[in-house]
Amino acid sequence: MLPKPQDEVKKQRQIDADKHAGQVSALEQSLSNSRGNELRLTEQLGEANRKIDRLNAGLDSAESRATASEAEHLKLQQLVGELSVEQTNSRKREAEREQRLLSAVSDKEAAAGKISSLQDQLIEAQSNIEKLRQNGVAESRSLIINLVEHSRRVFELARKHSPKGDADVSEAATSQKELERLFCSAN
């Protein structure tokens, strides 16, 4: 005995629904992963900003110490004159101060480069999220159109094998027209 068209329709609907649910689940998982990556990158960006703030504070402190050291150097020069020992020590302190200043500036530039890289990664992650969203919408729209088309074919098959004036076929015709009006006209 051949299976009834209604059973075939139900079976096909269930297969289509399961396939669609799987696709939606995969897209949701991908979107969730992208959001997780975005949060991680945002946290890293925040940490890098805090490091820059600490480096800036260290730079300000180094500049303040350098300024104080320079003032002290001038005072010592006035007090002891042109003593070569003091001049040598003063040059050494100045070189160390400049080295610390250069080191702080270098650290700040490295942190700024890392922040720029993290920002690029964040932008890329946001772009990937948008692409996934758009792909999901397009796939859902395509799936709905395919389901409506399948429904139309099943309806045509049922109509061919049913007597004219059958109430179920008339009701199915109305339902099919409504499905096509709702989903096919939106495209």
Foldseek 3Di string as FASTA:
>chain_A
DDDDLVVVLVVVVVVLVVVLVVVVVVLVVVLVVLVVVLVVLVVVLVVLVVVLVVLVVVLVVLVVVLVVLVVVLVVVCVVPPPDPVSVVVSVVVNVVSVVVNVVSVVVNVVSVVVSVVSVVVSVVSVVVSVVSVVVSVVVVLVSLVVSLVVLVVSLVVVVVVDDPPDPVSVVSVVVSVVSCVVRVVVD
